[in-house]
Amino acid sequence: MDNAYYNLPLQLARISQKKEHPKCTLHESVAAMVHLISVTYLGECKHDDTFGCEIWEHDFENIVNKQIYRERLMNSIQKTITRLEQRLTNISIDVQIEQIDYRLFQRRIKSRIILKVFGTLVITNEPFTHTDQFFIGPLSYY
């Protein structure tokens, strides 16, 4: 079961040169898909307008009510991951929003989103946990 999935991003040049593409585990593959969903804005994927996350619909807006925004994000992300990542079941989402004083060239306050995804891998029935963090307005993640 290990190393049965391809690493992202796909390296199509390696495939066209008939070289082995780097592979990853099931857990790493699901985590990569969750990350891809969370950093893609709705409508960015040309073949599926519903692929992505609602976070980017409000990227540069001031968050008036953090709790309502948090609930909307959690529901949107859970709905999208449930629909698109069928290797995962019993999905639950936690979103934390923090204000960060971000100083690079000038003083700037940014919002950091901490996304935690919990679930169960369907094939192995193992618990799954993934944490992602990124800043909104403009996008940067680590």
N, C-alpha and C. Protein backbone atom coordinates (compact mmCIF):
# COMPACT_ATOMS: atom_id res chain seq x y z
N MET A 1 0.83 -1.19 0.00
CA MET A 1 0.00 0.00 0.00
C MET A 1 0.87 1.25 0.00
N ASP A 2 2.05 1.23 0.68
CA ASP A 2 2.92 2.40 0.68
C ASP A 2 3.43 2.70 -0.73
N ASN A 3 3.65 3.99 -0.98
CA ASN A 3 4.19 4.46 -2.24
C ASN A 3 3.35 4.07 -3.45
N ALA A 4 2.04 4.04 -3.28
CA ALA A 4 1.16 3.69 -4.39
C ALA A 4 0.55 4.93 -5.04
N TYR A 5 0.92 6.12 -4.59
CA TYR A 5 0.32 7.36 -5.07
C TYR A 5 1.42 8.30 -5.54
N TYR A 6 1.10 9.16 -6.51
CA TYR A 6 2.08 10.10 -7.04
C TYR A 6 2.15 11.37 -6.20
N ASN A 7 3.37 11.87 -6.01
CA ASN A 7 3.59 13.15 -5.34
C ASN A 7 3.04 14.29 -6.20
N LEU A 8 2.59 15.34 -5.53
CA LEU A 8 2.22 16.57 -6.21
C LEU A 8 3.31 17.59 -5.98
N PRO A 9 3.60 18.45 -6.90
CA PRO A 9 2.97 18.55 -8.21
C PRO A 9 3.48 17.45 -9.15
N LEU A 10 2.64 17.10 -10.10
CA LEU A 10 3.04 16.10 -11.08
C LEU A 10 4.19 16.64 -11.92
N GLN A 11 5.14 15.79 -12.18
CA GLN A 11 6.30 16.17 -13.00
C GLN A 11 6.16 15.47 -14.34
N LEU A 12 5.37 16.08 -15.20
CA LEU A 12 5.04 15.46 -16.48
C LEU A 12 6.26 15.24 -17.37
N ALA A 13 7.27 16.07 -17.22
CA ALA A 13 8.49 15.89 -18.01
C ALA A 13 9.13 14.54 -17.69
N ARG A 14 9.13 14.15 -16.43
CA ARG A 14 9.69 12.84 -16.04
C ARG A 14 8.91 11.70 -16.69
N ILE A 15 7.59 11.84 -16.69
CA ILE A 15 6.76 10.78 -17.27
C ILE A 15 7.00 10.69 -18.77
N SER A 16 7.05 11.85 -19.46
CA SER A 16 7.26 11.82 -20.91
C SER A 16 8.66 11.30 -21.27
N GLN A 17 9.60 11.40 -20.34
CA GLN A 17 10.95 10.87 -20.55
C GLN A 17 11.06 9.42 -20.08
N LYS A 18 9.90 8.85 -19.70
CA LYS A 18 9.82 7.47 -19.23
C LYS A 18 10.66 7.23 -17.98
N LYS A 19 10.73 8.25 -17.13
CA LYS A 19 11.40 8.12 -15.84
C LYS A 19 10.35 7.89 -14.76
N GLU A 20 10.78 7.32 -13.67
CA GLU A 20 9.89 7.06 -12.54
C GLU A 20 9.48 8.37 -11.89
N HIS A 21 8.19 8.52 -11.63
CA HIS A 21 7.70 9.71 -10.94
C HIS A 21 7.75 9.46 -9.44
N PRO A 22 8.15 10.46 -8.64
CA PRO A 22 8.17 10.27 -7.18
C PRO A 22 6.78 9.89 -6.65
N LYS A 23 6.77 8.98 -5.70
CA LYS A 23 5.51 8.49 -5.15
C LYS A 23 5.43 8.82 -3.66
N CYS A 24 4.23 8.66 -3.12
CA CYS A 24 4.01 8.96 -1.70
C CYS A 24 3.02 7.96 -1.11
N THR A 25 2.80 8.06 0.17
CA THR A 25 1.86 7.18 0.86
C THR A 25 0.43 7.70 0.68
N LEU A 26 -0.52 6.89 1.08
CA LEU A 26 -1.92 7.27 1.05
C LEU A 26 -2.15 8.53 1.89
N HIS A 27 -1.62 8.56 3.09
CA HIS A 27 -1.80 9.71 3.98
C HIS A 27 -1.25 10.98 3.33
N GLU A 28 -0.05 10.90 2.74
CA GLU A 28 0.55 12.07 2.08
C GLU A 28 -0.27 12.51 0.87
N SER A 29 -0.82 11.56 0.14
CA SER A 29 -1.63 11.88 -1.03
C SER A 29 -2.93 12.59 -0.64
N VAL A 30 -3.59 12.10 0.39
CA VAL A 30 -4.82 12.74 0.87
C VAL A 30 -4.50 14.14 1.41
N ALA A 31 -3.41 14.27 2.16
CA ALA A 31 -3.01 15.57 2.69
C ALA A 31 -2.72 16.55 1.56
N ALA A 32 -2.08 16.09 0.49
CA ALA A 32 -1.80 16.96 -0.66
C ALA A 32 -3.09 17.41 -1.32
N MET A 33 -4.07 16.52 -1.42
CA MET A 33 -5.36 16.89 -2.02
C MET A 33 -6.10 17.90 -1.15
N VAL A 34 -6.08 17.70 0.16
CA VAL A 34 -6.71 18.64 1.09
C VAL A 34 -6.05 20.01 0.97
N HIS A 35 -4.73 20.02 0.89
CA HIS A 35 -4.00 21.29 0.71
C HIS A 35 -4.39 21.96 -0.61
N LEU A 36 -4.44 21.18 -1.67
CA LEU A 36 -4.81 21.72 -2.98
C LEU A 36 -6.21 22.33 -2.96
N ILE A 37 -7.14 21.65 -2.32
CA ILE A 37 -8.51 22.16 -2.19
C ILE A 37 -8.50 23.48 -1.42
N SER A 38 -7.73 23.53 -0.34
CA SER A 38 -7.77 24.72 0.53
C SER A 38 -7.09 25.94 -0.08
N VAL A 39 -6.13 25.77 -0.99
CA VAL A 39 -5.45 26.93 -1.58
C VAL A 39 -5.96 27.28 -2.97
N THR A 40 -7.01 26.60 -3.41
CA THR A 40 -7.60 26.89 -4.72
C THR A 40 -8.88 27.68 -4.51
N TYR A 41 -9.03 28.77 -5.25
CA TYR A 41 -10.26 29.54 -5.11
C TYR A 41 -11.33 28.98 -6.03
N LEU A 42 -12.58 29.15 -5.64
CA LEU A 42 -13.71 28.63 -6.42
C LEU A 42 -13.69 29.23 -7.82
N GLY A 43 -13.81 28.39 -8.83
CA GLY A 43 -13.81 28.84 -10.21
C GLY A 43 -12.43 28.80 -10.86
N GLU A 44 -11.38 28.57 -10.09
CA GLU A 44 -10.03 28.53 -10.64
C GLU A 44 -9.81 27.28 -11.50
N CYS A 45 -10.41 26.18 -11.11
CA CYS A 45 -10.28 24.93 -11.85
C CYS A 45 -11.30 24.93 -13.00
N LYS A 46 -10.82 24.94 -14.23
CA LYS A 46 -11.70 25.13 -15.38
C LYS A 46 -12.70 24.00 -15.60
N HIS A 47 -12.36 22.78 -15.21
CA HIS A 47 -13.29 21.66 -15.45
C HIS A 47 -14.26 21.43 -14.29
N ASP A 48 -14.08 22.14 -13.16
CA ASP A 48 -15.00 22.00 -12.03
C ASP A 48 -15.03 23.31 -11.25
N ASP A 49 -16.06 24.12 -11.48
CA ASP A 49 -16.18 25.42 -10.82
C ASP A 49 -16.35 25.31 -9.31
N THR A 50 -16.74 24.13 -8.81
CA THR A 50 -16.96 23.96 -7.38
C THR A 50 -15.72 23.45 -6.66
N PHE A 51 -14.63 23.20 -7.38
CA PHE A 51 -13.38 22.76 -6.76
C PHE A 51 -12.73 23.97 -6.11
N GLY A 52 -12.37 23.85 -4.85
CA GLY A 52 -11.68 24.93 -4.17
C GLY A 52 -12.33 25.27 -2.85
N CYS A 53 -11.99 26.43 -2.36
CA CYS A 53 -12.36 26.83 -1.02
C CYS A 53 -12.92 28.24 -1.00
N GLU A 54 -13.89 28.47 -0.16
CA GLU A 54 -14.55 29.77 -0.04
C GLU A 54 -13.68 30.82 0.62
N ILE A 55 -12.58 30.42 1.22
CA ILE A 55 -11.68 31.38 1.88
C ILE A 55 -11.33 32.52 0.93
N TRP A 56 -11.06 32.17 -0.30
CA TRP A 56 -10.53 33.14 -1.27
C TRP A 56 -11.61 34.06 -1.83
N GLU A 57 -12.88 33.76 -1.56
CA GLU A 57 -13.96 34.67 -1.95
C GLU A 57 -13.91 35.95 -1.11
N HIS A 58 -13.29 35.88 0.05
CA HIS A 58 -13.26 36.99 0.99
C HIS A 58 -11.83 37.39 1.33
N ASP A 59 -10.92 37.17 0.41
CA ASP A 59 -9.49 37.32 0.66
C ASP A 59 -9.11 38.70 1.18
N PHE A 60 -9.63 39.76 0.60
CA PHE A 60 -9.21 41.10 0.98
C PHE A 60 -10.25 41.85 1.80
N GLU A 61 -11.31 41.17 2.20
CA GLU A 61 -12.34 41.82 2.99
C GLU A 61 -11.93 41.90 4.46
N ASN A 62 -12.47 42.89 5.14
CA ASN A 62 -12.32 42.94 6.59
C ASN A 62 -13.32 41.95 7.19
N ILE A 63 -12.85 41.12 8.08
CA ILE A 63 -13.73 40.13 8.71
C ILE A 63 -14.49 40.83 9.83
N VAL A 64 -15.79 41.02 9.62
CA VAL A 64 -16.61 41.75 10.59
C VAL A 64 -16.95 40.87 11.78
N ASN A 65 -17.47 39.68 11.52
CA ASN A 65 -17.83 38.75 12.58
C ASN A 65 -17.02 37.47 12.39
N LYS A 66 -15.97 37.34 13.18
CA LYS A 66 -15.04 36.22 13.03
C LYS A 66 -15.73 34.86 13.21
N GLN A 67 -16.68 34.75 14.13
CA GLN A 67 -17.34 33.47 14.40
C GLN A 67 -18.20 33.03 13.20
N ILE A 68 -18.95 33.96 12.62
CA ILE A 68 -19.78 33.62 11.45
C ILE A 68 -18.89 33.23 10.28
N TYR A 69 -17.82 33.99 10.05
CA TYR A 69 -16.87 33.69 8.98
C TYR A 69 -16.24 32.32 9.19
N ARG A 70 -15.84 32.02 10.42
CA ARG A 70 -15.24 30.74 10.76
C ARG A 70 -16.19 29.58 10.49
N GLU A 71 -17.45 29.73 10.90
CA GLU A 71 -18.46 28.68 10.67
C GLU A 71 -18.69 28.46 9.16
N ARG A 72 -18.78 29.56 8.41
CA ARG A 72 -18.97 29.45 6.96
C ARG A 72 -17.81 28.72 6.31
N LEU A 73 -16.60 29.05 6.73
CA LEU A 73 -15.42 28.39 6.18
C LEU A 73 -15.41 26.91 6.52
N MET A 74 -15.68 26.59 7.77
CA MET A 74 -15.68 25.18 8.18
C MET A 74 -16.70 24.39 7.38
N ASN A 75 -17.90 24.91 7.21
CA ASN A 75 -18.94 24.21 6.45
C ASN A 75 -18.55 24.07 4.98
N SER A 76 -18.03 25.13 4.39
CA SER A 76 -17.63 25.10 2.99
C SER A 76 -16.52 24.09 2.74
N ILE A 77 -15.49 24.14 3.60
CA ILE A 77 -14.35 23.23 3.42
C ILE A 77 -14.77 21.78 3.65
N GLN A 78 -15.58 21.54 4.67
CA GLN A 78 -16.03 20.18 4.94
C GLN A 78 -16.86 19.64 3.77
N LYS A 79 -17.75 20.44 3.26
CA LYS A 79 -18.58 20.03 2.12
C LYS A 79 -17.72 19.70 0.90
N THR A 80 -16.74 20.56 0.62
CA THR A 80 -15.88 20.35 -0.55
C THR A 80 -14.99 19.12 -0.38
N ILE A 81 -14.38 18.96 0.78
CA ILE A 81 -13.51 17.80 1.00
C ILE A 81 -14.32 16.50 0.98
N THR A 82 -15.51 16.52 1.56
CA THR A 82 -16.36 15.33 1.55
C THR A 82 -16.71 14.93 0.12
N ARG A 83 -16.97 15.91 -0.71
CA ARG A 83 -17.36 15.64 -2.11
C ARG A 83 -16.17 15.20 -2.95
N LEU A 84 -15.01 15.82 -2.76
CA LEU A 84 -13.88 15.59 -3.66
C LEU A 84 -12.88 14.54 -3.17
N GLU A 85 -12.75 14.36 -1.89
CA GLU A 85 -11.76 13.41 -1.37
C GLU A 85 -12.48 12.21 -0.79
N GLN A 86 -12.79 11.25 -1.66
CA GLN A 86 -13.59 10.09 -1.25
C GLN A 86 -12.76 9.01 -0.56
N ARG A 87 -11.47 9.23 -0.43
CA ARG A 87 -10.63 8.30 0.33
C ARG A 87 -10.69 8.60 1.81
N LEU A 88 -11.47 9.62 2.18
CA LEU A 88 -11.57 10.08 3.56
C LEU A 88 -13.03 10.06 3.99
N THR A 89 -13.29 9.60 5.20
CA THR A 89 -14.65 9.57 5.74
C THR A 89 -14.63 10.13 7.17
N ASN A 90 -15.80 10.33 7.75
CA ASN A 90 -15.92 10.89 9.11
C ASN A 90 -15.11 12.19 9.24
N ILE A 91 -15.29 13.06 8.28
CA ILE A 91 -14.50 14.29 8.19
C ILE A 91 -15.02 15.34 9.16
N SER A 92 -14.11 15.93 9.89
CA SER A 92 -14.45 17.10 10.71
C SER A 92 -13.36 18.14 10.49
N ILE A 93 -13.76 19.39 10.59
CA ILE A 93 -12.88 20.51 10.27
C ILE A 93 -12.82 21.45 11.46
N ASP A 94 -11.65 21.99 11.71
CA ASP A 94 -11.51 23.08 12.68
C ASP A 94 -10.76 24.20 11.99
N VAL A 95 -11.26 25.40 12.11
CA VAL A 95 -10.62 26.59 11.53
C VAL A 95 -10.38 27.58 12.65
N GLN A 96 -9.16 28.08 12.72
CA GLN A 96 -8.83 29.15 13.66
C GLN A 96 -8.36 30.34 12.84
N ILE A 97 -8.78 31.52 13.25
CA ILE A 97 -8.40 32.75 12.56
C ILE A 97 -7.66 33.62 13.56
N GLU A 98 -6.44 34.01 13.21
CA GLU A 98 -5.62 34.83 14.09
C GLU A 98 -5.19 36.09 13.36
N GLN A 99 -5.10 37.19 14.08
CA GLN A 99 -4.55 38.42 13.53
C GLN A 99 -3.06 38.42 13.82
N ILE A 100 -2.26 38.61 12.80
CA ILE A 100 -0.81 38.60 12.93
C ILE A 100 -0.26 39.96 12.48
N ASP A 101 0.63 40.52 13.28
CA ASP A 101 1.32 41.74 12.90
C ASP A 101 2.47 41.30 11.99
N TYR A 102 2.29 41.49 10.73
CA TYR A 102 3.21 40.99 9.71
C TYR A 102 4.10 42.13 9.25
N ARG A 103 5.39 42.08 9.57
CA ARG A 103 6.31 43.17 9.20
C ARG A 103 7.37 42.62 8.25
N LEU A 104 7.32 43.11 7.05
CA LEU A 104 8.37 42.78 6.11
C LEU A 104 8.99 44.10 5.64
N PHE A 105 8.21 44.90 4.95
CA PHE A 105 8.67 46.22 4.53
C PHE A 105 7.94 47.33 5.29
N GLN A 106 6.74 47.04 5.71
CA GLN A 106 5.94 48.02 6.43
C GLN A 106 5.05 47.29 7.43
N ARG A 107 4.49 48.02 8.36
CA ARG A 107 3.61 47.39 9.35
C ARG A 107 2.30 47.02 8.68
N ARG A 108 1.88 45.79 8.88
CA ARG A 108 0.69 45.29 8.23
C ARG A 108 0.08 44.20 9.10
N ILE A 109 -1.22 44.25 9.27
CA ILE A 109 -1.92 43.21 10.01
C ILE A 109 -2.53 42.25 8.99
N LYS A 110 -2.25 40.98 9.16
CA LYS A 110 -2.80 39.96 8.25
C LYS A 110 -3.55 38.94 9.08
N SER A 111 -4.43 38.23 8.42
CA SER A 111 -5.16 37.15 9.07
C SER A 111 -4.52 35.82 8.70
N ARG A 112 -4.22 35.03 9.73
CA ARG A 112 -3.69 33.70 9.48
C ARG A 112 -4.81 32.70 9.72
N ILE A 113 -5.00 31.82 8.76
CA ILE A 113 -5.98 30.74 8.86
C ILE A 113 -5.22 29.46 9.22
N ILE A 114 -5.66 28.81 10.30
CA ILE A 114 -5.11 27.51 10.67
C ILE A 114 -6.23 26.50 10.44
N LEU A 115 -6.03 25.64 9.48
CA LEU A 115 -7.03 24.65 9.07
C LEU A 115 -6.58 23.28 9.56
N LYS A 116 -7.45 22.62 10.33
CA LYS A 116 -7.18 21.26 10.79
C LYS A 116 -8.28 20.36 10.25
N VAL A 117 -7.86 19.28 9.61
CA VAL A 117 -8.79 18.32 9.03
C VAL A 117 -8.58 16.98 9.72
N PHE A 118 -9.67 16.41 10.20
CA PHE A 118 -9.65 15.11 10.86
C PHE A 118 -10.58 14.18 10.11
N GLY A 119 -10.25 12.91 10.10
CA GLY A 119 -11.11 11.94 9.45
C GLY A 119 -10.54 10.55 9.59
N THR A 120 -11.08 9.65 8.77
CA THR A 120 -10.64 8.27 8.75
C THR A 120 -10.36 7.88 7.31
N LEU A 121 -9.20 7.27 7.07
CA LEU A 121 -8.87 6.79 5.73
C LEU A 121 -9.74 5.56 5.44
N VAL A 122 -10.48 5.60 4.35
CA VAL A 122 -11.45 4.56 4.03
C VAL A 122 -10.77 3.20 3.86
N ILE A 123 -9.69 3.14 3.11
CA ILE A 123 -9.05 1.86 2.76
C ILE A 123 -8.46 1.16 3.98
N THR A 124 -7.80 1.92 4.86
CA THR A 124 -7.08 1.31 5.98
C THR A 124 -7.78 1.48 7.32
N ASN A 125 -8.81 2.32 7.37
CA ASN A 125 -9.55 2.63 8.59
C ASN A 125 -8.65 3.29 9.65
N GLU A 126 -7.58 3.94 9.21
CA GLU A 126 -6.67 4.64 10.11
C GLU A 126 -7.15 6.07 10.31
N PRO A 127 -6.85 6.66 11.46
CA PRO A 127 -7.19 8.07 11.65
C PRO A 127 -6.31 8.96 10.77
N PHE A 128 -6.90 10.05 10.31
CA PHE A 128 -6.20 11.00 9.46
C PHE A 128 -6.26 12.38 10.10
N THR A 129 -5.12 13.05 10.15
CA THR A 129 -5.06 14.42 10.65
C THR A 129 -4.14 15.22 9.73
N HIS A 130 -4.59 16.41 9.38
CA HIS A 130 -3.77 17.29 8.54
C HIS A 130 -3.98 18.72 9.01
N THR A 131 -2.88 19.45 9.16
CA THR A 131 -2.94 20.86 9.55
C THR A 131 -2.27 21.69 8.48
N ASP A 132 -2.92 22.77 8.10
CA ASP A 132 -2.41 23.69 7.10
C ASP A 132 -2.53 25.10 7.66
N GLN A 133 -1.58 25.95 7.36
CA GLN A 133 -1.64 27.34 7.80
C GLN A 133 -1.32 28.24 6.61
N PHE A 134 -2.05 29.32 6.47
CA PHE A 134 -1.75 30.29 5.44
C PHE A 134 -2.33 31.64 5.80
N PHE A 135 -1.75 32.66 5.21
CA PHE A 135 -2.22 34.02 5.41
C PHE A 135 -3.17 34.38 4.28
N ILE A 136 -4.17 35.16 4.59
CA ILE A 136 -5.05 35.67 3.53
C ILE A 136 -4.78 37.14 3.34
N GLY A 137 -4.93 37.58 2.10
CA GLY A 137 -4.78 38.98 1.72
C GLY A 137 -3.36 39.46 1.66
N PRO A 138 -2.55 39.12 0.70
CA PRO A 138 -2.66 38.10 -0.34
C PRO A 138 -2.20 36.74 0.17
N LEU A 139 -2.46 35.71 -0.63
CA LEU A 139 -2.14 34.33 -0.25
C LEU A 139 -0.64 34.14 -0.03
N SER A 140 -0.31 33.54 1.09
CA SER A 140 1.03 32.99 1.33
C SER A 140 0.82 31.86 2.32
N TYR A 141 1.51 30.77 2.14
CA TYR A 141 1.34 29.64 3.05
C TYR A 141 2.68 29.00 3.36
N TYR A 142 2.69 28.25 4.46
CA TYR A 142 3.92 27.56 4.87
C TYR A 142 3.56 26.27 5.56
